[in-house]
């Protein structure tokens, strides 16, 4: 009986919120250039590394950062994915559990986990060592599509997020992701030595971006 009388007001409220959100988006356009500048600082300090330069990226928006430590150069490419469809592609492409090395001489890609951070993938391609991972707005980092979706169900679907969802402030499941691609030349170093450098740098980088994750 209660639902019989409450259904119409509830539907009117939901419709009103939806129209408000759509109107806000239509009358408050933000250019790609403005979004990139707001999300990605032109310079991010990285302990132990000398910042060299950075350049913006589009489609999807992002930024490439260049650093130097002695003779070693580090490249970090950041990409901001905002929906499930665009996010699924890099997960399928860089999943360390399914990709194979380009040659038989290269080590197999590997997936590792760090407490307090999450999962990341390590691999060797074209004479470089790579570390790749997705920084979530909530929950641990992910490197496989399954991990990413599990985060959405376990971290996003919380009672505390119901009101922001009903008022149009946040989606019920937040499919945003900050993809981080680290790479350093192998030169004459074994892959494991390069991996250790990437892992140490990744921990510092993650902490900065988790604290500065873009707001909706």
N, C-alpha and C. Protein backbone atom coordinates (compact mmCIF):
# COMPACT_ATOMS: atom_id res chain seq x y z
N UNK A 1 0.83 -1.20 0.00
CA UNK A 1 0.00 0.00 0.00
C UNK A 1 0.87 1.27 0.00
N UNK A 2 1.95 1.21 0.78
CA UNK A 2 2.85 2.39 0.84
C UNK A 2 3.44 2.68 -0.53
N UNK A 3 3.88 1.62 -1.22
CA UNK A 3 4.51 1.81 -2.53
C UNK A 3 3.52 2.38 -3.54
N UNK A 4 2.24 2.03 -3.37
CA UNK A 4 1.20 2.52 -4.29
C UNK A 4 1.15 4.03 -4.27
N UNK A 5 1.28 4.62 -3.06
CA UNK A 5 1.22 6.08 -2.94
C UNK A 5 2.58 6.75 -3.15
N UNK A 6 3.64 6.01 -2.89
CA UNK A 6 4.99 6.61 -2.98
C UNK A 6 5.60 6.48 -4.37
N UNK A 7 5.04 5.62 -5.19
CA UNK A 7 5.65 5.36 -6.50
C UNK A 7 5.70 6.61 -7.37
N UNK A 8 4.57 7.31 -7.49
CA UNK A 8 4.53 8.49 -8.36
C UNK A 8 5.50 9.58 -7.90
N UNK A 9 5.50 9.97 -6.61
CA UNK A 9 6.48 10.98 -6.17
C UNK A 9 7.93 10.54 -6.40
N UNK A 10 8.19 9.23 -6.22
CA UNK A 10 9.55 8.72 -6.41
C UNK A 10 9.97 8.85 -7.87
N UNK A 11 9.05 8.50 -8.77
CA UNK A 11 9.35 8.59 -10.20
C UNK A 11 9.55 10.04 -10.62
N UNK A 12 8.73 10.94 -10.07
CA UNK A 12 8.87 12.37 -10.37
C UNK A 12 10.22 12.89 -9.87
N UNK A 13 10.64 12.44 -8.68
CA UNK A 13 11.93 12.86 -8.13
C UNK A 13 13.08 12.38 -8.99
N UNK A 14 13.03 11.10 -9.39
CA UNK A 14 14.10 10.54 -10.23
C UNK A 14 14.17 11.27 -11.58
N UNK A 15 12.98 11.54 -12.18
CA UNK A 15 12.94 12.25 -13.46
C UNK A 15 13.51 13.65 -13.31
N UNK A 16 13.15 14.31 -12.20
CA UNK A 16 13.65 15.66 -11.98
C UNK A 16 15.16 15.72 -11.83
N UNK A 17 15.69 14.78 -11.09
CA UNK A 17 17.15 14.71 -10.89
C UNK A 17 17.85 14.45 -12.22
N UNK A 18 17.30 13.53 -13.01
CA UNK A 18 17.89 13.20 -14.31
C UNK A 18 17.92 14.41 -15.22
N UNK A 19 16.80 15.14 -15.29
CA UNK A 19 16.74 16.33 -16.14
C UNK A 19 17.70 17.41 -15.65
N UNK A 20 17.84 17.53 -14.32
CA UNK A 20 18.76 18.54 -13.75
C UNK A 20 20.19 18.24 -14.14
N UNK A 21 20.59 16.96 -14.05
CA UNK A 21 21.95 16.56 -14.39
C UNK A 21 22.21 16.79 -15.87
N UNK A 22 21.26 16.42 -16.74
CA UNK A 22 21.43 16.60 -18.18
C UNK A 22 21.54 18.07 -18.54
N UNK A 23 20.71 18.91 -17.91
CA UNK A 23 20.75 20.35 -18.19
C UNK A 23 22.08 20.95 -17.75
N UNK A 24 22.56 20.50 -16.59
CA UNK A 24 23.84 21.00 -16.08
C UNK A 24 24.97 20.67 -17.04
N UNK A 25 24.97 19.44 -17.58
CA UNK A 25 26.02 19.03 -18.50
C UNK A 25 25.95 19.82 -19.80
N UNK A 26 24.72 20.10 -20.28
CA UNK A 26 24.54 20.81 -21.55
C UNK A 26 24.99 22.26 -21.46
N UNK A 27 24.74 22.89 -20.33
CA UNK A 27 25.04 24.31 -20.19
C UNK A 27 26.37 24.60 -19.53
N UNK A 28 27.09 23.56 -19.19
CA UNK A 28 28.42 23.75 -18.58
C UNK A 28 29.46 22.91 -19.31
N UNK A 29 29.64 23.16 -20.62
CA UNK A 29 30.60 22.36 -21.37
C UNK A 29 32.03 22.66 -20.94
N UNK A 30 32.85 21.61 -20.92
CA UNK A 30 34.26 21.77 -20.57
C UNK A 30 35.09 21.21 -21.73
N UNK A 31 35.98 22.01 -22.27
CA UNK A 31 36.78 21.57 -23.41
C UNK A 31 37.77 20.50 -23.00
N UNK A 32 38.23 19.73 -24.00
CA UNK A 32 39.23 18.69 -23.74
C UNK A 32 40.50 19.29 -23.18
N UNK A 33 40.89 20.45 -23.67
CA UNK A 33 42.10 21.12 -23.19
C UNK A 33 41.95 21.50 -21.73
N UNK A 34 40.77 22.01 -21.34
CA UNK A 34 40.54 22.39 -19.95
C UNK A 34 40.55 21.16 -19.04
N UNK A 35 39.95 20.06 -19.51
CA UNK A 35 39.90 18.84 -18.73
C UNK A 35 41.31 18.31 -18.49
N UNK A 36 42.11 18.28 -19.56
CA UNK A 36 43.47 17.76 -19.45
C UNK A 36 44.28 18.57 -18.45
N UNK A 37 44.16 19.89 -18.52
CA UNK A 37 44.92 20.76 -17.63
C UNK A 37 44.45 20.59 -16.19
N UNK A 38 43.14 20.38 -16.00
CA UNK A 38 42.61 20.24 -14.65
C UNK A 38 43.01 18.92 -14.02
N UNK A 39 43.11 17.87 -14.82
CA UNK A 39 43.40 16.54 -14.31
C UNK A 39 44.89 16.28 -14.19
N UNK A 40 45.64 16.67 -15.22
CA UNK A 40 47.06 16.34 -15.27
C UNK A 40 47.92 17.59 -15.12
N UNK A 41 48.61 17.69 -14.00
CA UNK A 41 49.54 18.80 -13.79
C UNK A 41 50.67 18.70 -14.80
N UNK A 42 51.18 19.85 -15.22
CA UNK A 42 52.27 19.85 -16.19
C UNK A 42 53.54 19.26 -15.60
N UNK A 43 53.69 19.36 -14.30
CA UNK A 43 54.87 18.80 -13.64
C UNK A 43 54.47 18.13 -12.33
N UNK A 44 54.92 16.89 -12.15
CA UNK A 44 54.68 16.15 -10.92
C UNK A 44 56.03 15.72 -10.36
N UNK A 45 56.33 16.12 -9.13
CA UNK A 45 57.61 15.74 -8.52
C UNK A 45 57.63 14.25 -8.21
N UNK A 46 58.78 13.64 -8.44
CA UNK A 46 58.95 12.21 -8.21
C UNK A 46 60.26 12.01 -7.47
N UNK A 47 60.19 11.59 -6.21
CA UNK A 47 61.38 11.46 -5.38
C UNK A 47 62.43 10.57 -6.04
N UNK A 48 63.67 11.07 -6.08
CA UNK A 48 64.77 10.31 -6.66
C UNK A 48 64.96 10.51 -8.15
N UNK A 49 64.05 11.25 -8.78
CA UNK A 49 64.12 11.45 -10.23
C UNK A 49 64.10 12.94 -10.56
N UNK A 50 64.80 13.29 -11.62
CA UNK A 50 64.81 14.66 -12.10
C UNK A 50 63.76 14.81 -13.20
N UNK A 51 62.83 15.75 -13.02
CA UNK A 51 61.81 15.99 -14.03
C UNK A 51 62.43 16.65 -15.26
N UNK A 52 62.08 16.14 -16.46
CA UNK A 52 62.60 16.70 -17.69
C UNK A 52 61.56 17.51 -18.44
N UNK A 53 60.44 16.87 -18.77
CA UNK A 53 59.40 17.56 -19.52
C UNK A 53 58.12 16.73 -19.52
N UNK A 54 57.05 17.34 -20.03
CA UNK A 54 55.79 16.61 -20.18
C UNK A 54 55.05 17.17 -21.39
N UNK A 55 54.15 16.37 -21.93
CA UNK A 55 53.32 16.81 -23.04
C UNK A 55 51.94 16.21 -22.93
N UNK A 56 50.93 16.96 -23.34
CA UNK A 56 49.55 16.51 -23.21
C UNK A 56 49.19 15.52 -24.31
N UNK A 57 48.19 14.68 -24.02
CA UNK A 57 47.70 13.67 -24.95
C UNK A 57 46.19 13.84 -25.09
N UNK A 58 45.65 13.36 -26.21
CA UNK A 58 44.21 13.40 -26.43
C UNK A 58 43.72 12.03 -26.89
N UNK A 59 42.41 11.84 -26.74
CA UNK A 59 41.72 10.65 -27.25
C UNK A 59 42.33 9.32 -26.83
N UNK A 60 42.22 8.92 -25.58
CA UNK A 60 41.66 9.69 -24.46
C UNK A 60 42.67 10.69 -23.90
N UNK A 61 42.17 11.63 -23.13
CA UNK A 61 43.05 12.66 -22.61
C UNK A 61 44.08 12.05 -21.66
N UNK A 62 45.24 12.69 -21.62
CA UNK A 62 46.30 12.18 -20.77
C UNK A 62 47.53 13.07 -20.85
N UNK A 63 48.64 12.54 -20.35
CA UNK A 63 49.89 13.29 -20.36
C UNK A 63 51.06 12.33 -20.24
N UNK A 64 52.15 12.64 -20.95
CA UNK A 64 53.39 11.87 -20.86
C UNK A 64 54.40 12.67 -20.05
N UNK A 65 54.96 12.02 -19.03
CA UNK A 65 55.96 12.66 -18.17
C UNK A 65 57.32 11.98 -18.41
N UNK A 66 58.38 12.79 -18.50
CA UNK A 66 59.74 12.29 -18.71
C UNK A 66 60.61 12.64 -17.50
N UNK A 67 61.37 11.64 -17.01
CA UNK A 67 62.26 11.84 -15.86
C UNK A 67 63.62 11.22 -16.15
N UNK A 68 64.58 11.60 -15.32
CA UNK A 68 65.95 11.09 -15.48
C UNK A 68 66.56 10.82 -14.12
N UNK A 69 67.26 9.70 -14.01
CA UNK A 69 67.99 9.33 -12.79
C UNK A 69 69.35 8.79 -13.24
N UNK A 70 70.39 9.61 -13.12
CA UNK A 70 71.68 9.22 -13.67
C UNK A 70 71.56 9.13 -15.18
N UNK A 71 71.86 7.96 -15.73
CA UNK A 71 71.75 7.75 -17.17
C UNK A 71 70.43 7.08 -17.56
N UNK A 72 69.61 6.78 -16.57
CA UNK A 72 68.35 6.09 -16.83
C UNK A 72 67.22 7.08 -17.06
N UNK A 73 66.50 6.88 -18.14
CA UNK A 73 65.35 7.73 -18.45
C UNK A 73 64.06 6.95 -18.18
N UNK A 74 63.12 7.61 -17.55
CA UNK A 74 61.84 7.01 -17.20
C UNK A 74 60.72 7.77 -17.92
N UNK A 75 59.85 7.02 -18.56
CA UNK A 75 58.69 7.61 -19.23
C UNK A 75 57.43 7.09 -18.54
N UNK A 76 56.53 8.00 -18.19
CA UNK A 76 55.26 7.63 -17.57
C UNK A 76 54.13 8.23 -18.41
N UNK A 77 53.32 7.36 -18.97
CA UNK A 77 52.16 7.82 -19.73
C UNK A 77 50.91 7.62 -18.89
N UNK A 78 50.15 8.70 -18.71
CA UNK A 78 48.91 8.64 -17.93
C UNK A 78 47.72 8.88 -18.86
N UNK A 79 46.69 8.05 -18.70
CA UNK A 79 45.46 8.19 -19.50
C UNK A 79 44.25 8.15 -18.58
N UNK A 80 43.30 9.02 -18.84
CA UNK A 80 42.09 9.09 -18.01
C UNK A 80 40.91 8.49 -18.76
N UNK A 81 40.46 7.33 -18.31
CA UNK A 81 39.31 6.65 -18.91
C UNK A 81 38.09 6.91 -18.02
N UNK A 82 36.95 7.18 -18.63
CA UNK A 82 35.79 7.57 -17.83
C UNK A 82 34.59 6.63 -17.94
N UNK A 83 34.63 5.66 -18.84
CA UNK A 83 33.48 4.77 -18.98
C UNK A 83 33.93 3.34 -19.17
N UNK A 84 33.01 2.42 -19.02
CA UNK A 84 33.31 0.99 -19.06
C UNK A 84 33.84 0.56 -20.41
N UNK A 85 33.26 1.08 -21.49
CA UNK A 85 33.65 0.67 -22.83
C UNK A 85 35.10 1.01 -23.14
N UNK A 86 35.50 2.27 -22.87
CA UNK A 86 36.88 2.69 -23.16
C UNK A 86 37.86 2.02 -22.22
N UNK A 87 37.43 1.70 -21.00
CA UNK A 87 38.31 1.08 -20.02
C UNK A 87 38.58 -0.38 -20.33
N UNK A 88 37.63 -1.03 -20.95
CA UNK A 88 37.77 -2.46 -21.20
C UNK A 88 38.91 -2.76 -22.17
N UNK A 89 39.14 -1.89 -23.15
CA UNK A 89 40.14 -2.14 -24.18
C UNK A 89 41.56 -2.30 -23.63
N UNK A 90 42.06 -1.36 -22.81
CA UNK A 90 43.42 -1.56 -22.27
C UNK A 90 43.53 -2.77 -21.36
N UNK A 91 42.45 -3.13 -20.66
CA UNK A 91 42.50 -4.33 -19.82
C UNK A 91 42.70 -5.57 -20.68
N UNK A 92 41.99 -5.64 -21.78
CA UNK A 92 42.13 -6.79 -22.68
C UNK A 92 43.51 -6.80 -23.35
N UNK A 93 44.00 -5.62 -23.66
CA UNK A 93 45.26 -5.52 -24.40
C UNK A 93 46.47 -5.82 -23.53
N UNK A 94 46.45 -5.38 -22.25
CA UNK A 94 47.63 -5.49 -21.41
C UNK A 94 47.49 -6.48 -20.26
N UNK A 95 46.46 -7.31 -20.28
CA UNK A 95 46.29 -8.32 -19.24
C UNK A 95 47.49 -9.27 -19.24
N UNK A 96 48.30 -9.25 -18.18
CA UNK A 96 49.51 -10.08 -18.16
C UNK A 96 49.24 -11.57 -18.13
N UNK A 97 48.00 -11.94 -17.86
CA UNK A 97 47.68 -13.37 -17.80
C UNK A 97 47.35 -13.95 -19.18
N UNK A 98 47.18 -13.08 -20.19
CA UNK A 98 46.81 -13.59 -21.51
C UNK A 98 47.75 -13.13 -22.63
N UNK A 99 48.51 -12.05 -22.44
CA UNK A 99 49.40 -11.61 -23.51
C UNK A 99 50.65 -12.48 -23.53
N UNK A 100 51.28 -12.56 -24.70
CA UNK A 100 52.48 -13.38 -24.87
C UNK A 100 53.63 -12.50 -25.34
N UNK A 101 54.87 -12.87 -25.04
CA UNK A 101 56.03 -12.10 -25.48
C UNK A 101 56.14 -12.08 -27.00
N UNK A 102 56.76 -11.00 -27.53
CA UNK A 102 56.93 -10.90 -28.97
C UNK A 102 57.92 -11.93 -29.50
N UNK A 103 58.90 -12.30 -28.67
CA UNK A 103 59.88 -13.31 -29.06
C UNK A 103 60.05 -14.31 -27.93
N UNK A 104 60.61 -15.45 -28.27
CA UNK A 104 60.81 -16.50 -27.26
C UNK A 104 61.90 -16.15 -26.27
N UNK A 105 62.70 -15.11 -26.59
CA UNK A 105 63.79 -14.71 -25.70
C UNK A 105 63.33 -13.77 -24.59
N UNK A 106 62.13 -13.23 -24.74
CA UNK A 106 61.64 -12.30 -23.74
C UNK A 106 60.97 -13.06 -22.59
N UNK A 107 61.10 -12.54 -21.37
CA UNK A 107 60.43 -13.20 -20.22
C UNK A 107 58.92 -13.06 -20.33
N UNK A 108 58.22 -13.99 -19.73
CA UNK A 108 56.76 -13.94 -19.72
C UNK A 108 56.27 -12.75 -18.90
N UNK A 109 55.21 -12.08 -19.35
CA UNK A 109 54.63 -11.01 -18.53
C UNK A 109 54.20 -11.57 -17.18
N UNK A 110 54.26 -10.75 -16.17
CA UNK A 110 53.90 -11.22 -14.83
C UNK A 110 53.00 -10.22 -14.13
N UNK A 111 52.19 -10.71 -13.21
CA UNK A 111 51.32 -9.86 -12.41
C UNK A 111 51.73 -9.95 -10.96
N UNK A 112 51.84 -8.81 -10.30
CA UNK A 112 52.22 -8.79 -8.90
C UNK A 112 51.26 -7.92 -8.10
N UNK A 113 51.29 -8.09 -6.79
CA UNK A 113 50.41 -7.36 -5.90
C UNK A 113 51.22 -6.75 -4.77
N UNK A 114 50.88 -5.53 -4.40
CA UNK A 114 51.53 -4.85 -3.29
C UNK A 114 50.46 -4.43 -2.29
N UNK A 115 50.65 -4.80 -1.04
CA UNK A 115 49.68 -4.46 0.01
C UNK A 115 49.48 -2.95 0.09
N UNK A 116 48.23 -2.55 0.19
CA UNK A 116 47.91 -1.14 0.30
C UNK A 116 47.82 -0.42 -1.02
N UNK A 117 48.19 -1.09 -2.10
CA UNK A 117 48.13 -0.47 -3.42
C UNK A 117 47.25 -1.31 -4.36
N UNK A 118 47.66 -2.54 -4.60
CA UNK A 118 46.89 -3.41 -5.47
C UNK A 118 47.74 -4.13 -6.49
N UNK A 119 47.16 -4.42 -7.66
CA UNK A 119 47.82 -5.22 -8.69
C UNK A 119 48.44 -4.35 -9.78
N UNK A 120 49.48 -4.90 -10.41
CA UNK A 120 50.12 -4.25 -11.55
C UNK A 120 50.78 -5.33 -12.41
N UNK A 121 51.00 -5.01 -13.67
CA UNK A 121 51.61 -5.97 -14.58
C UNK A 121 52.99 -5.53 -15.00
N UNK A 122 53.89 -6.48 -15.17
CA UNK A 122 55.26 -6.21 -15.61
C UNK A 122 55.55 -7.01 -16.88
N UNK A 123 56.24 -6.37 -17.82
CA UNK A 123 56.56 -7.06 -19.08
C UNK A 123 57.75 -6.40 -19.76
N UNK A 124 58.25 -7.06 -20.77
CA UNK A 124 59.37 -6.55 -21.57
C UNK A 124 58.94 -6.50 -23.02
N UNK A 125 59.15 -5.36 -23.66
CA UNK A 125 58.81 -5.18 -25.06
C UNK A 125 59.78 -4.21 -25.71
N UNK A 126 60.28 -4.57 -26.87
CA UNK A 126 61.12 -3.65 -27.63
C UNK A 126 62.29 -3.08 -26.87
N UNK A 127 62.96 -3.88 -26.06
CA UNK A 127 64.13 -3.41 -25.33
C UNK A 127 63.80 -2.54 -24.13
N UNK A 128 62.55 -2.53 -23.69
CA UNK A 128 62.15 -1.74 -22.52
C UNK A 128 61.38 -2.61 -21.54
N UNK A 129 61.48 -2.24 -20.27
CA UNK A 129 60.69 -2.89 -19.22
C UNK A 129 59.49 -2.00 -18.93
N UNK A 130 58.32 -2.63 -18.78
CA UNK A 130 57.07 -1.89 -18.59
C UNK A 130 56.38 -2.29 -17.29
N UNK A 131 55.72 -1.34 -16.69
CA UNK A 131 54.79 -1.58 -15.58
C UNK A 131 53.49 -0.87 -15.94
N UNK A 132 52.38 -1.60 -15.83
CA UNK A 132 51.08 -1.01 -16.19
C UNK A 132 50.07 -1.33 -15.11
N UNK A 133 49.19 -0.35 -14.83
CA UNK A 133 48.15 -0.57 -13.84
C UNK A 133 47.09 0.51 -13.94
N UNK A 134 45.92 0.21 -13.41
CA UNK A 134 44.80 1.14 -13.39
C UNK A 134 44.56 1.61 -11.96
N UNK A 135 44.63 2.92 -11.73
CA UNK A 135 44.34 3.50 -10.43
C UNK A 135 42.86 3.80 -10.37
N UNK A 136 42.15 3.15 -9.44
CA UNK A 136 40.72 3.34 -9.28
C UNK A 136 40.42 4.53 -8.38
N UNK A 137 39.24 5.15 -8.53
CA UNK A 137 38.87 6.22 -7.61
C UNK A 137 38.68 5.71 -6.18
N UNK A 138 38.30 4.44 -6.06
CA UNK A 138 38.16 3.78 -4.78
C UNK A 138 38.63 2.34 -4.94
N UNK A 139 39.26 1.80 -3.90
CA UNK A 139 39.71 0.41 -3.96
C UNK A 139 41.12 0.29 -4.50
N UNK A 140 41.62 -0.94 -4.55
CA UNK A 140 42.98 -1.20 -5.00
C UNK A 140 43.13 -1.05 -6.51
N UNK A 141 44.37 -0.89 -6.94
CA UNK A 141 44.64 -0.81 -8.36
C UNK A 141 44.34 -2.16 -9.01
N UNK A 142 44.13 -2.13 -10.32
CA UNK A 142 43.77 -3.35 -11.05
C UNK A 142 44.57 -3.44 -12.34
N UNK A 143 44.82 -4.67 -12.77
CA UNK A 143 45.52 -4.87 -14.03
C UNK A 143 44.76 -5.85 -14.93
N UNK A 144 43.72 -6.48 -14.40
CA UNK A 144 42.84 -7.34 -15.20
C UNK A 144 41.42 -6.80 -15.11
N UNK A 145 40.63 -7.12 -16.11
CA UNK A 145 39.25 -6.64 -16.16
C UNK A 145 38.44 -7.20 -14.99
N UNK A 146 38.71 -8.44 -14.62
CA UNK A 146 37.99 -9.06 -13.51
C UNK A 146 38.24 -8.31 -12.20
N UNK A 147 39.50 -7.93 -11.95
CA UNK A 147 39.83 -7.17 -10.75
C UNK A 147 39.11 -5.83 -10.73
N UNK A 148 39.06 -5.18 -11.88
CA UNK A 148 38.41 -3.88 -11.99
C UNK A 148 36.92 -3.98 -11.67
N UNK A 149 36.23 -4.97 -12.25
CA UNK A 149 34.80 -5.14 -12.02
C UNK A 149 34.53 -5.53 -10.56
N UNK A 150 35.38 -6.36 -9.99
CA UNK A 150 35.21 -6.72 -8.57
C UNK A 150 35.27 -5.49 -7.68
N UNK A 151 36.16 -4.56 -8.02
CA UNK A 151 36.24 -3.30 -7.27
C UNK A 151 34.93 -2.54 -7.33
N UNK A 152 34.31 -2.53 -8.52
CA UNK A 152 33.08 -1.78 -8.69
C UNK A 152 31.96 -2.35 -7.82
N UNK A 153 31.92 -3.66 -7.68
CA UNK A 153 30.86 -4.28 -6.89
C UNK A 153 31.14 -4.20 -5.38
N UNK A 154 32.39 -4.36 -4.99
CA UNK A 154 32.70 -4.40 -3.56
C UNK A 154 32.92 -3.03 -2.94
N UNK A 155 33.40 -2.07 -3.73
CA UNK A 155 33.73 -0.75 -3.19
C UNK A 155 32.69 0.30 -3.56
N UNK A 156 32.15 0.23 -4.78
CA UNK A 156 31.20 1.25 -5.22
C UNK A 156 29.80 1.05 -4.65
N UNK A 157 29.35 -0.19 -4.57
CA UNK A 157 27.97 -0.45 -4.13
C UNK A 157 27.88 -0.45 -2.61
N UNK A 158 27.98 0.75 -2.06
CA UNK A 158 27.91 0.94 -0.61
C UNK A 158 26.74 1.87 -0.27
N UNK A 159 26.07 1.65 0.87
CA UNK A 159 24.94 2.51 1.26
C UNK A 159 25.29 3.99 1.29
N UNK A 160 26.52 4.33 1.64
CA UNK A 160 26.92 5.73 1.75
C UNK A 160 26.90 6.46 0.41
N UNK A 161 26.89 5.69 -0.69
CA UNK A 161 26.92 6.31 -2.02
C UNK A 161 25.52 6.41 -2.64
N UNK A 162 24.51 5.96 -1.92
CA UNK A 162 23.16 5.97 -2.47
C UNK A 162 22.63 7.38 -2.68
N UNK A 163 22.77 8.25 -1.67
CA UNK A 163 22.27 9.62 -1.77
C UNK A 163 22.98 10.40 -2.89
N UNK A 164 24.34 10.37 -2.96
CA UNK A 164 25.00 11.06 -4.07
C UNK A 164 24.55 10.56 -5.44
N UNK A 165 24.21 9.28 -5.52
CA UNK A 165 23.73 8.72 -6.78
C UNK A 165 22.34 9.25 -7.12
N UNK A 166 21.45 9.28 -6.13
CA UNK A 166 20.08 9.75 -6.35
C UNK A 166 20.04 11.23 -6.71
N UNK A 167 21.00 12.00 -6.19
CA UNK A 167 21.03 13.44 -6.48
C UNK A 167 21.87 13.77 -7.71
N UNK A 168 22.37 12.75 -8.38
CA UNK A 168 23.11 12.96 -9.62
C UNK A 168 24.54 13.41 -9.44
N UNK A 169 25.07 13.33 -8.23
CA UNK A 169 26.44 13.78 -7.98
C UNK A 169 27.46 12.72 -8.37
N UNK A 170 27.09 11.45 -8.26
CA UNK A 170 28.01 10.35 -8.58
C UNK A 170 27.23 9.22 -9.24
N UNK A 171 27.89 8.48 -10.15
CA UNK A 171 27.25 7.29 -10.70
C UNK A 171 27.26 6.18 -9.65
N UNK A 172 26.32 5.25 -9.75
CA UNK A 172 26.26 4.18 -8.77
C UNK A 172 27.52 3.34 -8.83
N UNK A 173 27.97 3.04 -10.04
CA UNK A 173 29.25 2.34 -10.21
C UNK A 173 30.18 3.25 -10.99
N UNK A 174 31.31 3.54 -10.40
CA UNK A 174 32.26 4.50 -10.95
C UNK A 174 33.29 3.78 -11.82
N UNK A 175 33.15 3.91 -13.13
CA UNK A 175 34.03 3.19 -14.05
C UNK A 175 35.25 4.00 -14.47
N UNK A 176 35.55 5.08 -13.78
CA UNK A 176 36.73 5.87 -14.12
C UNK A 176 38.02 5.14 -13.75
N UNK A 177 39.07 5.48 -14.46
CA UNK A 177 40.36 4.84 -14.22
C UNK A 177 41.48 5.75 -14.70
N UNK A 178 42.52 5.87 -13.91
CA UNK A 178 43.75 6.54 -14.32
C UNK A 178 44.75 5.46 -14.69
N UNK A 179 44.93 5.24 -15.99
CA UNK A 179 45.88 4.23 -16.45
C UNK A 179 47.30 4.79 -16.40
N UNK A 180 48.20 4.03 -15.81
CA UNK A 180 49.60 4.43 -15.72
C UNK A 180 50.46 3.43 -16.47
N UNK A 181 51.29 3.92 -17.40
CA UNK A 181 52.20 3.08 -18.17
C UNK A 181 53.63 3.56 -17.92
N UNK A 182 54.40 2.79 -17.19
CA UNK A 182 55.80 3.11 -16.89
C UNK A 182 56.71 2.35 -17.85
N UNK A 183 57.80 2.98 -18.26
CA UNK A 183 58.78 2.25 -19.09
C UNK A 183 60.18 2.83 -18.90
N UNK A 184 61.16 1.94 -18.85
CA UNK A 184 62.57 2.33 -18.82
C UNK A 184 63.33 1.41 -19.75
N UNK A 185 64.40 1.91 -20.41
CA UNK A 185 65.21 1.05 -21.29
C UNK A 185 65.91 -0.03 -20.48
N UNK A 186 66.00 -1.22 -21.06
CA UNK A 186 66.70 -2.32 -20.39
C UNK A 186 68.21 -2.17 -20.50
N UNK A 187 68.65 -1.73 -21.69
CA UNK A 187 70.08 -1.64 -21.97
C UNK A 187 70.74 -2.99 -21.65
N UNK A 188 71.72 -3.02 -20.76
CA UNK A 188 72.39 -4.29 -20.43
C UNK A 188 71.90 -4.87 -19.10
N UNK A 189 70.86 -4.27 -18.52
CA UNK A 189 70.37 -4.73 -17.23
C UNK A 189 69.39 -5.90 -17.40
N UNK A 190 69.38 -6.84 -16.48
CA UNK A 190 68.39 -7.92 -16.53
C UNK A 190 67.00 -7.37 -16.23
N UNK A 191 65.95 -7.98 -16.77
CA UNK A 191 64.58 -7.48 -16.54
C UNK A 191 64.23 -7.31 -15.07
N UNK A 192 64.67 -8.23 -14.20
CA UNK A 192 64.29 -8.15 -12.80
C UNK A 192 64.83 -6.89 -12.13
N UNK A 193 66.03 -6.46 -12.53
CA UNK A 193 66.60 -5.22 -11.98
C UNK A 193 65.76 -4.03 -12.40
N UNK A 194 65.33 -4.04 -13.66
CA UNK A 194 64.48 -2.96 -14.17
C UNK A 194 63.12 -2.98 -13.47
N UNK A 195 62.59 -4.17 -13.24
CA UNK A 195 61.31 -4.29 -12.55
C UNK A 195 61.37 -3.68 -11.15
N UNK A 196 62.47 -3.91 -10.45
CA UNK A 196 62.61 -3.39 -9.10
C UNK A 196 62.58 -1.86 -9.09
N UNK A 197 63.23 -1.26 -10.09
CA UNK A 197 63.21 0.19 -10.22
C UNK A 197 61.80 0.70 -10.49
N UNK A 198 61.11 0.03 -11.38
CA UNK A 198 59.74 0.43 -11.72
C UNK A 198 58.81 0.27 -10.52
N UNK A 199 58.94 -0.81 -9.79
CA UNK A 199 58.07 -1.06 -8.64
C UNK A 199 58.26 -0.01 -7.55
N UNK A 200 59.49 0.34 -7.28
CA UNK A 200 59.78 1.35 -6.26
C UNK A 200 59.18 2.70 -6.67
N UNK A 201 59.34 3.05 -7.94
CA UNK A 201 58.81 4.32 -8.45
C UNK A 201 57.29 4.30 -8.48
N UNK A 202 56.71 3.16 -8.82
CA UNK A 202 55.27 3.01 -8.91
C UNK A 202 54.59 3.30 -7.57
N UNK A 203 55.18 2.84 -6.48
CA UNK A 203 54.60 3.06 -5.15
C UNK A 203 54.50 4.56 -4.84
N UNK A 204 55.54 5.30 -5.17
CA UNK A 204 55.55 6.75 -4.92
C UNK A 204 54.53 7.44 -5.82
N UNK A 205 54.51 7.07 -7.07
CA UNK A 205 53.61 7.67 -8.06
C UNK A 205 52.14 7.42 -7.69
N UNK A 206 51.84 6.19 -7.29
CA UNK A 206 50.48 5.83 -6.92
C UNK A 206 49.96 6.69 -5.78
N UNK A 207 50.78 6.89 -4.76
CA UNK A 207 50.35 7.66 -3.60
C UNK A 207 49.96 9.08 -3.99
N UNK A 208 50.71 9.69 -4.90
CA UNK A 208 50.40 11.06 -5.33
C UNK A 208 49.08 11.11 -6.08
N UNK A 209 48.88 10.18 -7.02
CA UNK A 209 47.68 10.22 -7.85
C UNK A 209 46.43 9.75 -7.11
N UNK A 210 46.59 8.85 -6.16
CA UNK A 210 45.44 8.44 -5.36
C UNK A 210 44.92 9.61 -4.54
N UNK A 211 45.86 10.43 -4.04
CA UNK A 211 45.47 11.61 -3.27
C UNK A 211 44.96 12.74 -4.15
N UNK A 212 45.28 12.69 -5.43
CA UNK A 212 44.87 13.75 -6.36
C UNK A 212 44.01 13.21 -7.50
N UNK A 213 43.23 12.17 -7.20
CA UNK A 213 42.37 11.59 -8.23
C UNK A 213 41.33 12.63 -8.65
N UNK A 214 41.03 12.72 -9.96
CA UNK A 214 40.08 13.72 -10.44
C UNK A 214 38.71 13.58 -9.78
N UNK A 215 38.09 14.71 -9.47
CA UNK A 215 36.74 14.70 -8.92
C UNK A 215 35.74 14.64 -10.05
N UNK A 216 34.55 14.14 -9.76
CA UNK A 216 33.50 14.05 -10.78
C UNK A 216 32.94 15.43 -11.11
